């Protein structure tokens, strides 16, 4: 039906816009993660607690093996990973829709990508 086709094209358009938004969000997180990295990339600098952080208790091997608080760059990396998973899922969903070989769906995906990149 025509209403179903219009709805399908709008959904694909919105998925494409969301794909581009997630891609930009991942780039912003990458920039923040790079700024959160310590200047020295030595192993000591990556594992040392930052100023003001409470370190693990001295002499407790179980607490020293599993730090309570992770550095900021680690949480940015977790966020980037989640953004990447969402981006891959959205990309495959749009690709699957385009592989229906429907010209209107294809144009909706192109228009959504264009609009998402523009925003």
N, C-alpha and C. Protein backbone atom coordinates (compact mmCIF):
# COMPACT_ATOMS: atom_id res chain seq x y z
N UNK A 1 0.84 -1.19 0.00
CA UNK A 1 0.00 0.00 0.00
C UNK A 1 0.88 1.24 0.00
N UNK A 2 0.39 2.34 -0.53
CA UNK A 2 1.19 3.57 -0.58
C UNK A 2 1.57 4.09 0.81
N UNK A 3 0.66 3.98 1.78
CA UNK A 3 0.96 4.46 3.12
C UNK A 3 2.08 3.63 3.76
N UNK A 4 2.05 2.33 3.52
CA UNK A 4 3.11 1.46 4.04
C UNK A 4 4.46 1.77 3.42
N UNK A 5 4.46 2.09 2.13
CA UNK A 5 5.72 2.43 1.45
C UNK A 5 6.27 3.75 1.98
N UNK A 6 5.40 4.73 2.19
CA UNK A 6 5.85 6.02 2.72
C UNK A 6 6.41 5.83 4.12
N UNK A 7 5.74 5.03 4.92
CA UNK A 7 6.23 4.76 6.28
C UNK A 7 7.58 4.04 6.23
N UNK A 8 7.73 3.10 5.32
CA UNK A 8 9.00 2.37 5.20
C UNK A 8 10.14 3.31 4.80
N UNK A 9 9.86 4.20 3.85
CA UNK A 9 10.88 5.15 3.41
C UNK A 9 11.26 6.09 4.55
N UNK A 10 10.27 6.54 5.33
CA UNK A 10 10.56 7.42 6.46
C UNK A 10 11.38 6.71 7.54
N UNK A 11 11.08 5.44 7.79
CA UNK A 11 11.85 4.69 8.78
C UNK A 11 13.30 4.53 8.32
N UNK A 12 13.50 4.21 7.06
CA UNK A 12 14.86 4.06 6.53
C UNK A 12 15.58 5.40 6.55
N UNK A 13 14.86 6.47 6.25
CA UNK A 13 15.45 7.81 6.29
C UNK A 13 15.91 8.13 7.72
N UNK A 14 15.08 7.84 8.69
CA UNK A 14 15.44 8.11 10.08
C UNK A 14 16.58 7.21 10.56
N UNK A 15 16.60 5.95 10.12
CA UNK A 15 17.71 5.06 10.48
C UNK A 15 19.03 5.58 9.91
N UNK A 16 18.98 6.11 8.69
CA UNK A 16 20.19 6.65 8.07
C UNK A 16 20.66 7.90 8.79
N UNK A 17 19.72 8.76 9.19
CA UNK A 17 20.09 9.95 9.96
C UNK A 17 20.70 9.53 11.29
N UNK A 18 20.11 8.56 11.96
CA UNK A 18 20.63 8.07 13.23
C UNK A 18 22.02 7.46 13.05
N UNK A 19 22.25 6.75 11.94
CA UNK A 19 23.56 6.17 11.66
C UNK A 19 24.62 7.28 11.59
N UNK A 20 24.31 8.36 10.88
CA UNK A 20 25.27 9.46 10.76
C UNK A 20 25.48 10.16 12.11
N UNK A 21 24.42 10.28 12.90
CA UNK A 21 24.55 10.91 14.22
C UNK A 21 25.44 10.07 15.13
N UNK A 22 25.27 8.76 15.09
CA UNK A 22 26.11 7.87 15.91
C UNK A 22 27.56 7.95 15.45
N UNK A 23 27.77 8.05 14.15
CA UNK A 23 29.13 8.17 13.61
C UNK A 23 29.79 9.45 14.12
N UNK A 24 29.05 10.54 14.15
CA UNK A 24 29.62 11.80 14.66
C UNK A 24 29.83 11.73 16.18
N UNK A 25 28.91 11.08 16.88
CA UNK A 25 29.07 10.92 18.32
C UNK A 25 30.30 10.11 18.67
N UNK A 26 30.58 9.11 17.85
CA UNK A 26 31.78 8.30 18.07
C UNK A 26 33.05 9.13 17.86
N UNK A 27 33.02 10.02 16.87
CA UNK A 27 34.17 10.88 16.61
C UNK A 27 34.39 11.86 17.77
N UNK A 28 33.31 12.39 18.33
CA UNK A 28 33.42 13.30 19.48
C UNK A 28 33.99 12.55 20.68
N UNK A 29 33.52 11.33 20.90
CA UNK A 29 34.06 10.53 22.01
C UNK A 29 35.53 10.21 21.81
N UNK A 30 35.94 9.96 20.58
CA UNK A 30 37.35 9.70 20.30
C UNK A 30 38.20 10.91 20.66
N UNK A 31 37.73 12.09 20.29
CA UNK A 31 38.47 13.31 20.61
C UNK A 31 38.58 13.48 22.13
N UNK A 32 37.49 13.25 22.85
CA UNK A 32 37.52 13.37 24.31
C UNK A 32 38.42 12.31 24.94
N UNK A 33 38.41 11.11 24.37
CA UNK A 33 39.26 10.05 24.90
C UNK A 33 40.73 10.39 24.70
N UNK A 34 41.06 10.96 23.55
CA UNK A 34 42.45 11.33 23.31
C UNK A 34 42.90 12.45 24.24
N UNK A 35 41.98 13.36 24.57
CA UNK A 35 42.33 14.42 25.52
C UNK A 35 42.46 13.88 26.94
N UNK A 36 41.77 12.79 27.24
CA UNK A 36 41.83 12.22 28.59
C UNK A 36 43.04 11.33 28.80
N UNK A 37 43.73 10.94 27.73
CA UNK A 37 44.93 10.12 27.87
C UNK A 37 46.03 10.90 28.57
N UNK A 38 46.80 10.26 29.40
CA UNK A 38 47.93 10.96 30.02
C UNK A 38 48.98 11.30 28.97
N UNK A 39 49.77 12.32 29.26
CA UNK A 39 50.79 12.76 28.30
C UNK A 39 51.82 11.65 28.05
N UNK A 40 52.19 10.94 29.11
CA UNK A 40 53.13 9.84 28.98
C UNK A 40 52.34 8.55 28.80
N UNK A 41 52.64 7.81 27.77
CA UNK A 41 51.92 6.57 27.51
C UNK A 41 52.61 5.36 28.11
N UNK A 42 53.42 5.58 29.12
CA UNK A 42 54.06 4.45 29.77
C UNK A 42 53.02 3.67 30.57
N UNK A 43 53.33 2.43 30.86
CA UNK A 43 52.40 1.58 31.59
C UNK A 43 52.10 2.16 32.98
N UNK A 44 53.10 2.78 33.59
CA UNK A 44 52.88 3.35 34.91
C UNK A 44 51.87 4.49 34.86
N UNK A 45 51.94 5.32 33.84
CA UNK A 45 51.03 6.46 33.74
C UNK A 45 49.61 6.01 33.46
N UNK A 46 49.45 4.88 32.76
CA UNK A 46 48.11 4.42 32.46
C UNK A 46 47.45 3.72 33.65
N UNK A 47 48.26 3.17 34.56
CA UNK A 47 47.68 2.44 35.68
C UNK A 47 47.67 3.23 36.97
N UNK A 48 48.45 4.32 37.05
CA UNK A 48 48.47 5.12 38.27
C UNK A 48 47.14 5.82 38.47
N UNK A 49 46.65 5.88 39.70
CA UNK A 49 45.43 6.66 39.94
C UNK A 49 45.72 8.14 39.77
N UNK A 50 44.73 8.87 39.29
CA UNK A 50 44.86 10.30 39.10
C UNK A 50 44.81 11.00 40.45
N UNK A 51 45.22 12.27 40.46
CA UNK A 51 45.21 13.03 41.71
C UNK A 51 43.79 13.10 42.24
N UNK A 52 43.66 12.89 43.53
CA UNK A 52 42.34 12.96 44.15
C UNK A 52 41.61 11.63 44.16
N UNK A 53 42.05 10.66 43.35
CA UNK A 53 41.43 9.34 43.36
C UNK A 53 41.91 8.57 44.57
N UNK A 54 41.05 7.77 45.14
CA UNK A 54 41.48 6.93 46.26
C UNK A 54 41.98 5.62 45.69
N UNK A 55 43.22 5.34 45.94
CA UNK A 55 43.83 4.13 45.42
C UNK A 55 43.44 2.93 46.23
N UNK A 56 43.79 1.72 45.77
CA UNK A 56 43.48 0.52 46.53
C UNK A 56 44.30 0.46 47.81
N UNK A 57 43.81 -0.26 48.76
CA UNK A 57 44.49 -0.37 50.05
C UNK A 57 45.83 -1.07 49.88
N UNK A 58 46.83 -0.59 50.61
CA UNK A 58 48.15 -1.18 50.53
C UNK A 58 48.13 -2.57 51.15
N UNK A 59 48.83 -3.52 50.51
CA UNK A 59 48.98 -4.85 51.06
C UNK A 59 47.80 -5.77 50.78
N UNK A 60 46.84 -5.34 50.05
CA UNK A 60 45.68 -6.19 49.73
C UNK A 60 45.78 -6.60 48.27
N UNK A 61 46.27 -7.83 47.99
CA UNK A 61 46.49 -8.22 46.60
C UNK A 61 45.20 -8.31 45.79
N UNK A 62 44.08 -8.65 46.42
CA UNK A 62 42.85 -8.76 45.64
C UNK A 62 42.39 -7.39 45.17
N UNK A 63 42.58 -6.36 45.99
CA UNK A 63 42.20 -5.01 45.57
C UNK A 63 43.18 -4.46 44.56
N UNK A 64 44.44 -4.85 44.65
CA UNK A 64 45.43 -4.34 43.71
C UNK A 64 45.25 -4.98 42.34
N UNK A 65 44.74 -6.20 42.28
CA UNK A 65 44.55 -6.88 41.01
C UNK A 65 43.35 -6.31 40.25
N UNK A 66 42.33 -5.86 40.97
CA UNK A 66 41.12 -5.33 40.34
C UNK A 66 40.88 -3.92 40.87
N UNK A 67 41.35 -2.90 40.16
CA UNK A 67 41.17 -1.53 40.67
C UNK A 67 39.69 -1.17 40.73
N UNK A 68 39.36 -0.40 41.76
CA UNK A 68 37.97 0.00 41.96
C UNK A 68 37.54 1.03 40.93
N UNK A 69 38.38 2.01 40.67
CA UNK A 69 38.02 3.05 39.71
C UNK A 69 38.93 2.95 38.49
N UNK A 70 38.32 3.01 37.33
CA UNK A 70 39.07 2.97 36.09
C UNK A 70 39.39 4.41 35.67
N UNK A 71 40.47 4.60 34.91
CA UNK A 71 40.78 5.94 34.43
C UNK A 71 39.70 6.43 33.45
N UNK A 72 39.66 7.74 33.28
CA UNK A 72 38.65 8.35 32.40
C UNK A 72 38.73 7.81 30.98
N UNK A 73 39.95 7.61 30.47
CA UNK A 73 40.09 7.17 29.09
C UNK A 73 39.45 5.80 28.88
N UNK A 74 39.43 4.97 29.94
CA UNK A 74 38.82 3.65 29.82
C UNK A 74 37.32 3.77 29.59
N UNK A 75 36.67 4.67 30.32
CA UNK A 75 35.22 4.84 30.16
C UNK A 75 34.89 5.44 28.80
N UNK A 76 35.76 6.33 28.30
CA UNK A 76 35.55 6.83 26.94
C UNK A 76 35.67 5.70 25.93
N UNK A 77 36.58 4.77 26.16
CA UNK A 77 36.75 3.64 25.26
C UNK A 77 35.53 2.72 25.30
N UNK A 78 34.96 2.52 26.49
CA UNK A 78 33.74 1.72 26.61
C UNK A 78 32.61 2.39 25.84
N UNK A 79 32.50 3.71 25.98
CA UNK A 79 31.47 4.45 25.23
C UNK A 79 31.67 4.34 23.73
N UNK A 80 32.92 4.44 23.28
CA UNK A 80 33.20 4.29 21.85
C UNK A 80 32.81 2.90 21.37
N UNK A 81 33.07 1.90 22.17
CA UNK A 81 32.73 0.53 21.79
C UNK A 81 31.22 0.37 21.63
N UNK A 82 30.47 0.92 22.57
CA UNK A 82 29.00 0.84 22.47
C UNK A 82 28.49 1.61 21.26
N UNK A 83 29.05 2.79 21.01
CA UNK A 83 28.67 3.54 19.82
C UNK A 83 28.98 2.75 18.55
N UNK A 84 30.12 2.06 18.54
CA UNK A 84 30.50 1.27 17.37
C UNK A 84 29.51 0.14 17.12
N UNK A 85 29.09 -0.54 18.18
CA UNK A 85 28.12 -1.63 18.04
C UNK A 85 26.80 -1.09 17.46
N UNK A 86 26.34 0.03 18.00
CA UNK A 86 25.10 0.63 17.49
C UNK A 86 25.26 1.04 16.03
N UNK A 87 26.42 1.61 15.68
CA UNK A 87 26.67 2.03 14.31
C UNK A 87 26.67 0.84 13.36
N UNK A 88 27.30 -0.26 13.75
CA UNK A 88 27.34 -1.45 12.88
C UNK A 88 25.95 -2.03 12.69
N UNK A 89 25.18 -2.11 13.78
CA UNK A 89 23.82 -2.65 13.68
C UNK A 89 22.96 -1.78 12.76
N UNK A 90 23.02 -0.47 12.95
CA UNK A 90 22.24 0.43 12.09
C UNK A 90 22.69 0.33 10.64
N UNK A 91 23.99 0.25 10.43
CA UNK A 91 24.50 0.14 9.06
C UNK A 91 24.01 -1.12 8.36
N UNK A 92 24.02 -2.23 9.08
CA UNK A 92 23.53 -3.48 8.48
C UNK A 92 22.02 -3.44 8.25
N UNK A 93 21.29 -2.78 9.13
CA UNK A 93 19.85 -2.67 8.92
C UNK A 93 19.54 -1.84 7.67
N UNK A 94 20.25 -0.74 7.49
CA UNK A 94 20.05 0.10 6.30
C UNK A 94 20.48 -0.67 5.06
N UNK A 95 21.60 -1.40 5.15
CA UNK A 95 22.07 -2.17 4.01
C UNK A 95 21.05 -3.25 3.64
N UNK A 96 20.49 -3.91 4.63
CA UNK A 96 19.49 -4.94 4.36
C UNK A 96 18.26 -4.34 3.67
N UNK A 97 17.87 -3.16 4.09
CA UNK A 97 16.72 -2.50 3.45
C UNK A 97 17.05 -2.11 2.01
N UNK A 98 18.25 -1.61 1.79
CA UNK A 98 18.65 -1.22 0.43
C UNK A 98 18.73 -2.45 -0.47
N UNK A 99 19.10 -3.59 0.09
CA UNK A 99 19.22 -4.81 -0.72
C UNK A 99 17.86 -5.37 -1.12
N UNK A 100 16.78 -4.70 -0.73
CA UNK A 100 15.46 -5.10 -1.23
C UNK A 100 15.29 -4.65 -2.67
N UNK A 101 16.24 -3.86 -3.18
CA UNK A 101 16.24 -3.37 -4.56
C UNK A 101 14.99 -2.55 -4.88
N UNK A 102 14.53 -1.81 -3.87
CA UNK A 102 13.42 -0.90 -4.08
C UNK A 102 14.00 0.50 -4.23
N UNK A 103 13.67 1.17 -5.31
CA UNK A 103 14.25 2.49 -5.59
C UNK A 103 13.86 3.51 -4.53
N UNK A 104 12.64 3.47 -4.03
CA UNK A 104 12.21 4.43 -3.03
C UNK A 104 12.96 4.22 -1.71
N UNK A 105 13.16 2.97 -1.33
CA UNK A 105 13.93 2.68 -0.11
C UNK A 105 15.37 3.16 -0.28
N UNK A 106 15.92 2.91 -1.45
CA UNK A 106 17.28 3.37 -1.74
C UNK A 106 17.38 4.89 -1.65
N UNK A 107 16.42 5.60 -2.22
CA UNK A 107 16.43 7.06 -2.16
C UNK A 107 16.24 7.56 -0.72
N UNK A 108 15.43 6.84 0.07
CA UNK A 108 15.27 7.20 1.48
C UNK A 108 16.58 7.04 2.25
N UNK A 109 17.34 5.99 1.96
CA UNK A 109 18.63 5.77 2.62
C UNK A 109 19.63 6.86 2.22
N UNK A 110 19.64 7.22 0.94
CA UNK A 110 20.55 8.27 0.46
C UNK A 110 20.17 9.62 1.08
N UNK A 111 18.86 9.93 1.07
CA UNK A 111 18.41 11.21 1.63
C UNK A 111 18.70 11.26 3.14
N UNK A 112 18.50 10.15 3.84
CA UNK A 112 18.79 10.13 5.27
C UNK A 112 20.26 10.30 5.57
N UNK A 113 21.12 9.67 4.79
CA UNK A 113 22.56 9.84 4.99
C UNK A 113 22.98 11.27 4.70
N UNK A 114 22.42 11.85 3.66
CA UNK A 114 22.74 13.23 3.32
C UNK A 114 22.28 14.19 4.42
N UNK A 115 21.05 14.01 4.87
CA UNK A 115 20.51 14.86 5.92
C UNK A 115 21.26 14.68 7.23
N UNK A 116 21.60 13.44 7.57
CA UNK A 116 22.35 13.18 8.80
C UNK A 116 23.74 13.77 8.76
N UNK A 117 24.40 13.71 7.64
CA UNK A 117 25.74 14.30 7.51
C UNK A 117 25.66 15.82 7.57
N UNK A 118 24.61 16.37 6.96
CA UNK A 118 24.45 17.83 6.94
C UNK A 118 24.21 18.38 8.34
N UNK A 119 23.43 17.62 9.15
CA UNK A 119 23.13 18.09 10.50
C UNK A 119 24.36 17.95 11.36
